[in-house]
Amino acid sequence: MARRNIPFLPNQYYHVYNRGANREDIFRNDKDYVFLLKQIKEHLEEFSITVIAYCLMSNHYHLLLRQDGIAKINDFMQAVFFIYSSSFNTIHNHSGTLFEGPFRAIWVNKIEYALHVCRYIHRNPLEAKMVIRPEQWHYSNYQEFIGMRNGTLVDRDFVNQYFASPKNYEEFVMNYVPPEKTQKELRHYLFLD
């Protein structure tokens, strides 16, 4: 595994992501998504990791994780994705690398940034035009954030600490306009396109 230039430290947040090799699908059916979520859930306590936000897309994933103890997120990711890759390769008769390379990680050292990352993660299916509303995508924990589902892969204390109600988080996500969209609209109105 490639060396990383970021420290994995206790009580810190990390945006972790990766995509399929050649942008190919890493999830081919519902069972694949469920299997990975099960592996994540089974390894959380062992590695003292907390899932804040997640979204699994057909050819990539995003996780916002908090490392609560001394076990490194790196080790957690290796354990989870070794099992997932092995299972995927067996079930789908796949050979070769499943992922583009080692997972990428960004140290999220400010809470404002962590909140933005949650929103970014949960808007992924919306931005990809796979759904009209983020709660329609079942493979994220957005439904937990807005009180629609009672899943366990979420830190409810985190959500409640920063958002007065599920409606507040929903507005935070839905009222956001990514800068690239604003720039595109401005270019259109200024007849630059």
N, C-alpha and C. Protein backbone atom coordinates (compact mmCIF):
# COMPACT_ATOMS: atom_id res chain seq x y z
N MET A 1 0.84 -1.18 0.00
CA MET A 1 0.00 0.00 0.00
C MET A 1 0.89 1.24 0.00
N ALA A 2 0.49 2.24 -0.75
CA ALA A 2 1.26 3.47 -0.86
C ALA A 2 1.30 4.22 0.47
N ARG A 3 2.39 4.90 0.68
CA ARG A 3 2.51 5.72 1.90
C ARG A 3 1.64 6.96 1.77
N ARG A 4 1.10 7.37 2.90
CA ARG A 4 0.27 8.58 2.92
C ARG A 4 1.01 9.66 3.68
N ASN A 5 0.78 10.88 3.26
CA ASN A 5 1.44 12.01 3.90
C ASN A 5 0.56 12.68 4.94
N ILE A 6 -0.52 12.03 5.33
CA ILE A 6 -1.37 12.61 6.37
C ILE A 6 -1.30 11.73 7.61
N PRO A 7 -1.39 12.35 8.77
CA PRO A 7 -1.37 11.55 9.99
C PRO A 7 -2.77 11.01 10.28
N PHE A 8 -2.85 9.77 10.72
CA PHE A 8 -4.12 9.22 11.19
C PHE A 8 -4.07 9.29 12.71
N LEU A 9 -4.83 10.22 13.28
CA LEU A 9 -4.75 10.52 14.71
C LEU A 9 -6.09 10.29 15.40
N PRO A 10 -6.05 9.95 16.69
CA PRO A 10 -7.29 9.77 17.45
C PRO A 10 -8.12 11.06 17.47
N ASN A 11 -9.44 10.88 17.45
CA ASN A 11 -10.41 11.97 17.53
C ASN A 11 -10.34 12.94 16.36
N GLN A 12 -9.88 12.45 15.22
CA GLN A 12 -9.81 13.28 14.03
C GLN A 12 -10.71 12.68 12.95
N TYR A 13 -11.16 13.55 12.03
CA TYR A 13 -12.05 13.16 10.95
C TYR A 13 -11.28 13.04 9.64
N TYR A 14 -11.71 12.08 8.81
CA TYR A 14 -11.06 11.84 7.52
C TYR A 14 -12.10 11.54 6.45
N HIS A 15 -11.95 12.21 5.32
CA HIS A 15 -12.77 11.91 4.15
C HIS A 15 -12.00 10.87 3.36
N VAL A 16 -12.57 9.68 3.25
CA VAL A 16 -11.92 8.55 2.62
C VAL A 16 -12.73 8.16 1.39
N TYR A 17 -12.05 7.95 0.27
CA TYR A 17 -12.78 7.64 -0.96
C TYR A 17 -11.90 6.86 -1.93
N ASN A 18 -12.57 6.22 -2.88
CA ASN A 18 -11.87 5.50 -3.94
C ASN A 18 -12.88 5.17 -5.03
N ARG A 19 -12.36 4.76 -6.18
CA ARG A 19 -13.26 4.33 -7.26
C ARG A 19 -12.69 3.10 -7.93
N GLY A 20 -13.55 2.50 -8.74
CA GLY A 20 -13.16 1.29 -9.43
C GLY A 20 -12.07 1.53 -10.46
N ALA A 21 -11.23 0.52 -10.66
CA ALA A 21 -10.20 0.59 -11.70
C ALA A 21 -10.88 0.85 -13.04
N ASN A 22 -10.32 1.73 -13.82
CA ASN A 22 -10.88 2.13 -15.11
C ASN A 22 -12.32 2.64 -14.98
N ARG A 23 -12.64 3.13 -13.79
CA ARG A 23 -13.98 3.66 -13.48
C ARG A 23 -15.08 2.61 -13.64
N GLU A 24 -14.70 1.36 -13.52
CA GLU A 24 -15.67 0.27 -13.61
C GLU A 24 -16.43 0.15 -12.30
N ASP A 25 -17.58 -0.49 -12.37
CA ASP A 25 -18.42 -0.66 -11.18
C ASP A 25 -17.72 -1.51 -10.13
N ILE A 26 -17.85 -1.07 -8.89
CA ILE A 26 -17.37 -1.85 -7.75
C ILE A 26 -18.56 -2.45 -6.99
N PHE A 27 -19.76 -2.04 -7.38
CA PHE A 27 -21.00 -2.63 -6.85
C PHE A 27 -21.86 -2.97 -8.07
N ARG A 28 -22.22 -4.23 -8.20
CA ARG A 28 -23.00 -4.65 -9.36
C ARG A 28 -24.46 -4.94 -9.03
N ASN A 29 -24.75 -5.07 -7.75
CA ASN A 29 -26.13 -5.36 -7.36
C ASN A 29 -26.33 -4.97 -5.89
N ASP A 30 -27.56 -5.07 -5.43
CA ASP A 30 -27.87 -4.70 -4.04
C ASP A 30 -27.06 -5.51 -3.03
N LYS A 31 -26.82 -6.79 -3.33
CA LYS A 31 -26.08 -7.63 -2.39
C LYS A 31 -24.67 -7.11 -2.17
N ASP A 32 -24.05 -6.57 -3.20
CA ASP A 32 -22.70 -6.01 -3.05
C ASP A 32 -22.69 -4.83 -2.08
N TYR A 33 -23.64 -3.91 -2.27
CA TYR A 33 -23.73 -2.76 -1.37
C TYR A 33 -23.93 -3.21 0.08
N VAL A 34 -24.87 -4.12 0.26
CA VAL A 34 -25.21 -4.60 1.61
C VAL A 34 -24.02 -5.32 2.23
N PHE A 35 -23.30 -6.11 1.43
CA PHE A 35 -22.15 -6.84 1.96
C PHE A 35 -21.08 -5.86 2.45
N LEU A 36 -20.79 -4.82 1.69
CA LEU A 36 -19.78 -3.86 2.14
C LEU A 36 -20.24 -3.15 3.41
N LEU A 37 -21.48 -2.72 3.46
CA LEU A 37 -21.98 -2.05 4.67
C LEU A 37 -21.89 -2.98 5.88
N LYS A 38 -22.15 -4.25 5.67
CA LYS A 38 -22.04 -5.23 6.76
C LYS A 38 -20.59 -5.33 7.24
N GLN A 39 -19.64 -5.35 6.30
CA GLN A 39 -18.23 -5.42 6.68
C GLN A 39 -17.79 -4.18 7.45
N ILE A 40 -18.24 -3.03 6.99
CA ILE A 40 -17.91 -1.79 7.71
C ILE A 40 -18.44 -1.88 9.13
N LYS A 41 -19.70 -2.24 9.26
CA LYS A 41 -20.34 -2.31 10.58
C LYS A 41 -19.61 -3.30 11.49
N GLU A 42 -19.23 -4.46 10.96
CA GLU A 42 -18.58 -5.49 11.76
C GLU A 42 -17.18 -5.09 12.23
N HIS A 43 -16.52 -4.18 11.54
CA HIS A 43 -15.15 -3.81 11.90
C HIS A 43 -15.04 -2.51 12.70
N LEU A 44 -16.12 -1.79 12.87
CA LEU A 44 -16.06 -0.49 13.55
C LEU A 44 -15.53 -0.59 14.98
N GLU A 45 -16.10 -1.49 15.75
CA GLU A 45 -15.71 -1.59 17.15
C GLU A 45 -14.26 -2.06 17.29
N GLU A 46 -13.89 -3.04 16.49
CA GLU A 46 -12.53 -3.58 16.55
C GLU A 46 -11.48 -2.49 16.34
N PHE A 47 -11.76 -1.54 15.45
CA PHE A 47 -10.78 -0.51 15.12
C PHE A 47 -11.11 0.85 15.75
N SER A 48 -12.15 0.93 16.56
CA SER A 48 -12.58 2.19 17.20
C SER A 48 -12.74 3.30 16.16
N ILE A 49 -13.58 3.01 15.17
CA ILE A 49 -13.88 3.96 14.10
C ILE A 49 -15.36 4.31 14.19
N THR A 50 -15.71 5.54 13.92
CA THR A 50 -17.10 5.97 13.85
C THR A 50 -17.39 6.46 12.44
N VAL A 51 -18.49 5.98 11.88
CA VAL A 51 -18.96 6.48 10.58
C VAL A 51 -19.79 7.73 10.84
N ILE A 52 -19.41 8.81 10.20
CA ILE A 52 -20.20 10.04 10.27
C ILE A 52 -21.14 10.08 9.07
N ALA A 53 -20.59 10.04 7.87
CA ALA A 53 -21.40 10.05 6.65
C ALA A 53 -20.82 9.05 5.67
N TYR A 54 -21.68 8.49 4.84
CA TYR A 54 -21.21 7.60 3.78
C TYR A 54 -22.15 7.66 2.59
N CYS A 55 -21.60 7.34 1.44
CA CYS A 55 -22.39 7.15 0.23
C CYS A 55 -21.62 6.17 -0.66
N LEU A 56 -22.31 5.10 -1.03
CA LEU A 56 -21.73 4.11 -1.94
C LEU A 56 -22.40 4.30 -3.29
N MET A 57 -21.62 4.57 -4.31
CA MET A 57 -22.12 4.73 -5.66
C MET A 57 -21.66 3.52 -6.48
N SER A 58 -22.19 3.35 -7.67
CA SER A 58 -21.88 2.14 -8.43
C SER A 58 -20.39 1.95 -8.67
N ASN A 59 -19.66 3.05 -8.95
CA ASN A 59 -18.24 2.87 -9.26
C ASN A 59 -17.29 3.59 -8.29
N HIS A 60 -17.83 4.11 -7.18
CA HIS A 60 -16.97 4.73 -6.18
C HIS A 60 -17.69 4.82 -4.84
N TYR A 61 -16.94 5.23 -3.83
CA TYR A 61 -17.53 5.41 -2.50
C TYR A 61 -16.89 6.62 -1.83
N HIS A 62 -17.64 7.17 -0.86
CA HIS A 62 -17.15 8.24 0.00
C HIS A 62 -17.52 7.89 1.43
N LEU A 63 -16.59 8.08 2.34
CA LEU A 63 -16.84 7.88 3.77
C LEU A 63 -16.25 9.06 4.53
N LEU A 64 -16.99 9.57 5.50
CA LEU A 64 -16.41 10.50 6.47
C LEU A 64 -16.33 9.72 7.77
N LEU A 65 -15.10 9.46 8.21
CA LEU A 65 -14.86 8.62 9.38
C LEU A 65 -14.15 9.41 10.46
N ARG A 66 -14.41 9.02 11.70
CA ARG A 66 -13.65 9.58 12.83
C ARG A 66 -12.87 8.43 13.45
N GLN A 67 -11.58 8.64 13.61
CA GLN A 67 -10.73 7.65 14.27
C GLN A 67 -10.79 7.94 15.76
N ASP A 68 -11.44 7.06 16.52
CA ASP A 68 -11.65 7.31 17.94
C ASP A 68 -10.52 6.80 18.83
N GLY A 69 -9.74 5.85 18.35
CA GLY A 69 -8.67 5.27 19.16
C GLY A 69 -7.34 5.33 18.44
N ILE A 70 -6.44 4.45 18.86
CA ILE A 70 -5.10 4.47 18.25
C ILE A 70 -5.00 3.60 17.00
N ALA A 71 -5.95 2.67 16.84
CA ALA A 71 -5.96 1.87 15.60
C ALA A 71 -6.19 2.82 14.43
N LYS A 72 -5.42 2.67 13.40
CA LYS A 72 -5.45 3.61 12.27
C LYS A 72 -6.58 3.30 11.29
N ILE A 73 -7.14 4.35 10.74
CA ILE A 73 -8.15 4.20 9.69
C ILE A 73 -7.57 3.36 8.55
N ASN A 74 -6.31 3.53 8.30
CA ASN A 74 -5.62 2.75 7.27
C ASN A 74 -5.83 1.24 7.48
N ASP A 75 -5.68 0.79 8.72
CA ASP A 75 -5.83 -0.63 9.02
C ASP A 75 -7.29 -1.08 8.88
N PHE A 76 -8.21 -0.22 9.31
CA PHE A 76 -9.64 -0.48 9.16
C PHE A 76 -10.00 -0.66 7.68
N MET A 77 -9.53 0.27 6.84
CA MET A 77 -9.83 0.22 5.42
C MET A 77 -9.24 -1.04 4.77
N GLN A 78 -8.02 -1.38 5.15
CA GLN A 78 -7.40 -2.60 4.60
C GLN A 78 -8.22 -3.83 4.95
N ALA A 79 -8.64 -3.94 6.20
CA ALA A 79 -9.40 -5.11 6.65
C ALA A 79 -10.73 -5.21 5.90
N VAL A 80 -11.46 -4.12 5.85
CA VAL A 80 -12.79 -4.10 5.23
C VAL A 80 -12.70 -4.38 3.74
N PHE A 81 -11.80 -3.69 3.05
CA PHE A 81 -11.78 -3.79 1.59
C PHE A 81 -11.03 -5.02 1.08
N PHE A 82 -10.18 -5.62 1.90
CA PHE A 82 -9.61 -6.91 1.51
C PHE A 82 -10.73 -7.95 1.44
N ILE A 83 -11.57 -7.97 2.47
CA ILE A 83 -12.70 -8.92 2.49
C ILE A 83 -13.65 -8.62 1.35
N TYR A 84 -13.96 -7.34 1.16
CA TYR A 84 -14.91 -6.98 0.10
C TYR A 84 -14.37 -7.37 -1.28
N SER A 85 -13.12 -7.01 -1.56
CA SER A 85 -12.53 -7.31 -2.88
C SER A 85 -12.47 -8.81 -3.14
N SER A 86 -12.09 -9.57 -2.12
CA SER A 86 -12.02 -11.03 -2.28
C SER A 86 -13.39 -11.60 -2.59
N SER A 87 -14.40 -11.14 -1.87
CA SER A 87 -15.76 -11.62 -2.09
C SER A 87 -16.26 -11.21 -3.48
N PHE A 88 -16.04 -9.96 -3.84
CA PHE A 88 -16.46 -9.46 -5.15
C PHE A 88 -15.84 -10.29 -6.26
N ASN A 89 -14.53 -10.52 -6.17
CA ASN A 89 -13.82 -11.28 -7.20
C ASN A 89 -14.36 -12.70 -7.34
N THR A 90 -14.67 -13.32 -6.21
CA THR A 90 -15.21 -14.68 -6.24
C THR A 90 -16.62 -14.71 -6.82
N ILE A 91 -17.48 -13.87 -6.31
CA ILE A 91 -18.89 -13.87 -6.73
C ILE A 91 -19.04 -13.48 -8.19
N HIS A 92 -18.28 -12.49 -8.63
CA HIS A 92 -18.45 -11.97 -9.99
C HIS A 92 -17.40 -12.51 -10.97
N ASN A 93 -16.62 -13.51 -10.54
CA ASN A 93 -15.60 -14.10 -11.40
C ASN A 93 -14.70 -13.00 -12.00
N HIS A 94 -14.28 -12.10 -11.12
CA HIS A 94 -13.48 -10.95 -11.52
C HIS A 94 -12.02 -11.22 -11.16
N SER A 95 -11.12 -10.83 -12.04
CA SER A 95 -9.70 -10.95 -11.70
C SER A 95 -9.04 -9.60 -11.92
N GLY A 96 -7.91 -9.42 -11.30
CA GLY A 96 -7.22 -8.15 -11.39
C GLY A 96 -7.69 -7.22 -10.28
N THR A 97 -7.15 -6.03 -10.32
CA THR A 97 -7.45 -5.07 -9.27
C THR A 97 -8.88 -4.55 -9.41
N LEU A 98 -9.54 -4.40 -8.30
CA LEU A 98 -10.91 -3.88 -8.29
C LEU A 98 -10.90 -2.36 -8.22
N PHE A 99 -9.95 -1.80 -7.49
CA PHE A 99 -9.91 -0.36 -7.27
C PHE A 99 -8.81 0.31 -8.07
N GLU A 100 -8.98 1.59 -8.28
CA GLU A 100 -8.04 2.39 -9.05
C GLU A 100 -6.65 2.39 -8.44
N GLY A 101 -6.58 2.27 -7.15
CA GLY A 101 -5.33 2.27 -6.41
C GLY A 101 -5.67 2.27 -4.94
N PRO A 102 -4.71 2.61 -4.10
CA PRO A 102 -5.01 2.71 -2.68
C PRO A 102 -6.08 3.78 -2.44
N PHE A 103 -6.86 3.61 -1.40
CA PHE A 103 -7.87 4.62 -1.10
C PHE A 103 -7.20 5.97 -0.84
N ARG A 104 -7.94 7.00 -1.08
CA ARG A 104 -7.45 8.36 -0.81
C ARG A 104 -8.06 8.85 0.48
N ALA A 105 -7.34 9.67 1.20
CA ALA A 105 -7.84 10.20 2.46
C ALA A 105 -7.43 11.66 2.60
N ILE A 106 -8.36 12.45 3.08
CA ILE A 106 -8.11 13.86 3.37
C ILE A 106 -8.42 14.09 4.84
N TRP A 107 -7.49 14.68 5.54
CA TRP A 107 -7.67 15.01 6.95
C TRP A 107 -8.62 16.20 7.02
N VAL A 108 -9.72 16.03 7.72
CA VAL A 108 -10.74 17.08 7.86
C VAL A 108 -10.54 17.68 9.24
N ASN A 109 -9.76 18.75 9.31
CA ASN A 109 -9.33 19.27 10.61
C ASN A 109 -10.15 20.45 11.13
N LYS A 110 -11.26 20.76 10.47
CA LYS A 110 -12.16 21.82 10.96
C LYS A 110 -13.59 21.30 10.87
N ILE A 111 -14.38 21.61 11.88
CA ILE A 111 -15.74 21.08 11.91
C ILE A 111 -16.57 21.65 10.75
N GLU A 112 -16.33 22.89 10.35
CA GLU A 112 -17.05 23.46 9.22
C GLU A 112 -16.79 22.66 7.95
N TYR A 113 -15.56 22.22 7.81
CA TYR A 113 -15.20 21.39 6.66
C TYR A 113 -15.88 20.03 6.76
N ALA A 114 -15.94 19.46 7.96
CA ALA A 114 -16.61 18.16 8.15
C ALA A 114 -18.08 18.26 7.75
N LEU A 115 -18.74 19.35 8.11
CA LEU A 115 -20.14 19.52 7.75
C LEU A 115 -20.30 19.64 6.23
N HIS A 116 -19.39 20.36 5.60
CA HIS A 116 -19.43 20.48 4.14
C HIS A 116 -19.21 19.11 3.49
N VAL A 117 -18.29 18.31 4.04
CA VAL A 117 -18.02 16.98 3.49
C VAL A 117 -19.26 16.09 3.62
N CYS A 118 -19.97 16.18 4.74
CA CYS A 118 -21.23 15.42 4.89
C CYS A 118 -22.19 15.79 3.77
N ARG A 119 -22.35 17.07 3.55
CA ARG A 119 -23.26 17.53 2.50
C ARG A 119 -22.79 17.06 1.13
N TYR A 120 -21.51 17.18 0.85
CA TYR A 120 -20.95 16.73 -0.42
C TYR A 120 -21.22 15.24 -0.63
N ILE A 121 -20.96 14.44 0.41
CA ILE A 121 -21.16 12.99 0.32
C ILE A 121 -22.63 12.68 0.04
N HIS A 122 -23.52 13.31 0.76
CA HIS A 122 -24.94 13.00 0.61
C HIS A 122 -25.53 13.53 -0.69
N ARG A 123 -24.92 14.54 -1.28
CA ARG A 123 -25.41 15.07 -2.55
C ARG A 123 -24.89 14.29 -3.76
N ASN A 124 -23.98 13.35 -3.54
CA ASN A 124 -23.37 12.62 -4.65
C ASN A 124 -24.38 12.02 -5.62
N PRO A 125 -25.38 11.26 -5.17
CA PRO A 125 -26.34 10.68 -6.12
C PRO A 125 -27.19 11.75 -6.81
N LEU A 126 -27.42 12.85 -6.12
CA LEU A 126 -28.18 13.97 -6.68
C LEU A 126 -27.38 14.62 -7.81
N GLU A 127 -26.12 14.90 -7.56
CA GLU A 127 -25.26 15.54 -8.55
C GLU A 127 -25.03 14.62 -9.76
N ALA A 128 -25.06 13.30 -9.53
CA ALA A 128 -24.89 12.34 -10.62
C ALA A 128 -26.19 12.10 -11.38
N LYS A 129 -27.25 12.80 -10.95
CA LYS A 129 -28.57 12.70 -11.58
C LYS A 129 -29.13 11.27 -11.53
N MET A 130 -28.80 10.58 -10.46
CA MET A 130 -29.33 9.23 -10.25
C MET A 130 -30.64 9.27 -9.47
N VAL A 131 -30.88 10.39 -8.79
CA VAL A 131 -32.10 10.58 -8.00
C VAL A 131 -32.51 12.04 -8.11
N ILE A 132 -33.75 12.31 -7.72
CA ILE A 132 -34.24 13.69 -7.69
C ILE A 132 -34.00 14.31 -6.31
N ARG A 133 -34.03 13.45 -5.29
CA ARG A 133 -33.77 13.88 -3.91
C ARG A 133 -32.80 12.87 -3.28
N PRO A 134 -31.88 13.33 -2.42
CA PRO A 134 -30.88 12.42 -1.86
C PRO A 134 -31.45 11.26 -1.06
N GLU A 135 -32.62 11.43 -0.44
CA GLU A 135 -33.19 10.34 0.35
C GLU A 135 -33.65 9.16 -0.51
N GLN A 136 -33.70 9.34 -1.82
CA GLN A 136 -34.08 8.25 -2.72
C GLN A 136 -32.93 7.25 -2.92
N TRP A 137 -31.72 7.65 -2.57
CA TRP A 137 -30.56 6.77 -2.71
C TRP A 137 -30.40 6.00 -1.40
N HIS A 138 -30.54 4.69 -1.45
CA HIS A 138 -30.56 3.87 -0.24
C HIS A 138 -29.18 3.58 0.33
N TYR A 139 -28.14 3.80 -0.45
CA TYR A 139 -26.80 3.40 -0.01
C TYR A 139 -25.98 4.59 0.48
N SER A 140 -26.63 5.41 1.28
CA SER A 140 -25.97 6.47 2.03
C SER A 140 -26.69 6.56 3.36
N ASN A 141 -26.15 7.32 4.29
CA ASN A 141 -26.85 7.48 5.56
C ASN A 141 -27.57 8.83 5.64
N TYR A 142 -27.88 9.41 4.49
CA TYR A 142 -28.67 10.64 4.48
C TYR A 142 -30.03 10.42 5.14
N GLN A 143 -30.66 9.27 4.90
CA GLN A 143 -31.95 9.00 5.52
C GLN A 143 -31.86 9.02 7.04
N GLU A 144 -30.74 8.58 7.60
CA GLU A 144 -30.55 8.65 9.05
C GLU A 144 -30.41 10.10 9.51
N PHE A 145 -29.70 10.90 8.73
CA PHE A 145 -29.51 12.31 9.09
C PHE A 145 -30.85 13.06 9.15
N ILE A 146 -31.78 12.70 8.26
CA ILE A 146 -33.05 13.44 8.22
C ILE A 146 -34.18 12.68 8.92
N GLY A 147 -33.85 11.62 9.67
CA GLY A 147 -34.83 10.92 10.49
C GLY A 147 -35.77 10.00 9.75
N MET A 148 -35.45 9.60 8.53
CA MET A 148 -36.32 8.71 7.75
C MET A 148 -36.06 7.22 8.02
N ARG A 149 -34.87 6.91 8.52
CA ARG A 149 -34.48 5.52 8.72
C ARG A 149 -33.71 5.43 10.02
N ASN A 150 -33.82 4.31 10.69
CA ASN A 150 -33.18 4.14 11.99
C ASN A 150 -31.97 3.22 11.89
N GLY A 151 -31.09 3.46 10.92
CA GLY A 151 -29.89 2.65 10.75
C GLY A 151 -28.86 2.95 11.82
N THR A 152 -27.83 2.12 11.87
CA THR A 152 -26.81 2.27 12.92
C THR A 152 -25.48 2.82 12.41
N LEU A 153 -25.32 2.98 11.10
CA LEU A 153 -24.06 3.52 10.58
C LEU A 153 -24.13 5.05 10.50
N VAL A 154 -24.29 5.65 11.66
CA VAL A 154 -24.35 7.10 11.77
C VAL A 154 -24.04 7.47 13.22
N ASP A 155 -23.45 8.62 13.41
CA ASP A 155 -23.19 9.14 14.76
C ASP A 155 -24.27 10.18 15.05
N ARG A 156 -25.34 9.75 15.71
CA ARG A 156 -26.47 10.64 15.97
C ARG A 156 -26.07 11.83 16.84
N ASP A 157 -25.10 11.64 17.74
CA ASP A 157 -24.64 12.76 18.57
C ASP A 157 -24.03 13.85 17.69
N PHE A 158 -23.26 13.44 16.68
CA PHE A 158 -22.67 14.40 15.75
C PHE A 158 -23.78 15.19 15.05
N VAL A 159 -24.77 14.47 14.52
CA VAL A 159 -25.86 15.11 13.78
C VAL A 159 -26.60 16.08 14.69
N ASN A 160 -26.96 15.62 15.88
CA ASN A 160 -27.73 16.46 16.81
C ASN A 160 -26.94 17.65 17.33
N GLN A 161 -25.63 17.51 17.42
CA GLN A 161 -24.79 18.61 17.91
C GLN A 161 -24.76 19.78 16.93
N TYR A 162 -24.80 19.50 15.64
CA TYR A 162 -24.62 20.56 14.65
C TYR A 162 -25.89 20.96 13.91
N PHE A 163 -26.97 20.19 14.09
CA PHE A 163 -28.22 20.52 13.41
C PHE A 163 -29.36 20.39 14.40
N ALA A 164 -30.13 21.47 14.55
CA ALA A 164 -31.20 21.52 15.54
C ALA A 164 -32.30 20.49 15.27
N SER A 165 -32.47 20.13 14.02
CA SER A 165 -33.51 19.17 13.67
C SER A 165 -33.14 18.49 12.35
N PRO A 166 -33.76 17.37 12.04
CA PRO A 166 -33.54 16.73 10.73
C PRO A 166 -33.86 17.69 9.58
N LYS A 167 -34.87 18.52 9.76
CA LYS A 167 -35.25 19.50 8.72
C LYS A 167 -34.10 20.48 8.46
N ASN A 168 -33.38 20.88 9.52
CA ASN A 168 -32.24 21.79 9.34
C ASN A 168 -31.16 21.17 8.45
N TYR A 169 -30.90 19.87 8.67
CA TYR A 169 -29.90 19.23 7.83
C TYR A 169 -30.39 19.10 6.39
N GLU A 170 -31.65 18.75 6.24
CA GLU A 170 -32.22 18.64 4.89
C GLU A 170 -32.10 19.97 4.14
N GLU A 171 -32.40 21.07 4.81
CA GLU A 171 -32.25 22.39 4.18
C GLU A 171 -30.79 22.71 3.87
N PHE A 172 -29.90 22.34 4.78
CA PHE A 172 -28.46 22.54 4.59
C PHE A 172 -27.99 21.84 3.31
N VAL A 173 -28.51 20.64 3.08
CA VAL A 173 -28.12 19.86 1.90
C VAL A 173 -28.81 20.38 0.64
N MET A 174 -30.10 20.60 0.73
CA MET A 174 -30.89 20.92 -0.47
C MET A 174 -30.74 22.36 -0.94
N ASN A 175 -30.41 23.28 -0.05
CA ASN A 175 -30.29 24.70 -0.43
C ASN A 175 -28.90 25.07 -0.93
N TYR A 176 -28.02 24.10 -1.00
CA TYR A 176 -26.66 24.35 -1.45
C TYR A 176 -26.60 24.30 -2.98
N VAL A 177 -25.92 25.28 -3.54
CA VAL A 177 -25.68 25.28 -4.99
C VAL A 177 -24.17 25.20 -5.18
N PRO A 178 -23.68 24.10 -5.74
CA PRO A 178 -22.23 23.98 -5.95
C PRO A 178 -21.70 25.15 -6.79
N PRO A 179 -20.52 25.65 -6.46
CA PRO A 179 -19.97 26.82 -7.17
C PRO A 179 -19.91 26.64 -8.69
N GLU A 180 -19.62 25.42 -9.15
CA GLU A 180 -19.51 25.22 -10.61
C GLU A 180 -20.86 25.43 -11.29
N LYS A 181 -21.95 25.13 -10.59
CA LYS A 181 -23.28 25.37 -11.17
C LYS A 181 -23.56 26.87 -11.25
N THR A 182 -23.19 27.60 -10.22
CA THR A 182 -23.38 29.05 -10.21
C THR A 182 -22.58 29.69 -11.34
N GLN A 183 -21.34 29.26 -11.50
CA GLN A 183 -20.49 29.81 -12.56
C GLN A 183 -21.06 29.51 -13.94
N LYS A 184 -21.59 28.30 -14.13
CA LYS A 184 -22.17 27.92 -15.42
C LYS A 184 -23.39 28.80 -15.73
N GLU A 185 -24.25 29.01 -14.71
CA GLU A 185 -25.43 29.86 -14.91
C GLU A 185 -25.02 31.30 -15.22
N LEU A 186 -24.01 31.81 -14.52
CA LEU A 186 -23.54 33.17 -14.77
C LEU A 186 -23.00 33.30 -16.20
N ARG A 187 -22.25 32.32 -16.64
CA ARG A 187 -21.70 32.35 -17.99
C ARG A 187 -22.84 32.39 -19.02
N HIS A 188 -23.90 31.62 -18.75
CA HIS A 188 -25.05 31.59 -19.66
C HIS A 188 -25.71 32.98 -19.73
N TYR A 189 -25.93 33.59 -18.55
CA TYR A 189 -26.59 34.88 -18.51
C TYR A 189 -25.74 36.00 -19.11
N LEU A 190 -24.43 35.83 -19.06
CA LEU A 190 -23.52 36.84 -19.61
C LEU A 190 -23.20 36.54 -21.08
N PHE A 191 -23.87 35.54 -21.65
CA PHE A 191 -23.69 35.13 -23.04
C PHE A 191 -22.25 34.73 -23.35
N LEU A 192 -21.62 34.07 -22.37
CA LEU A 192 -20.24 33.61 -22.56
C LEU A 192 -20.18 32.17 -23.04
N ASP A 193 -21.31 31.48 -23.05
CA ASP A 193 -21.35 30.10 -23.52
C ASP A 193 -21.79 30.03 -24.97
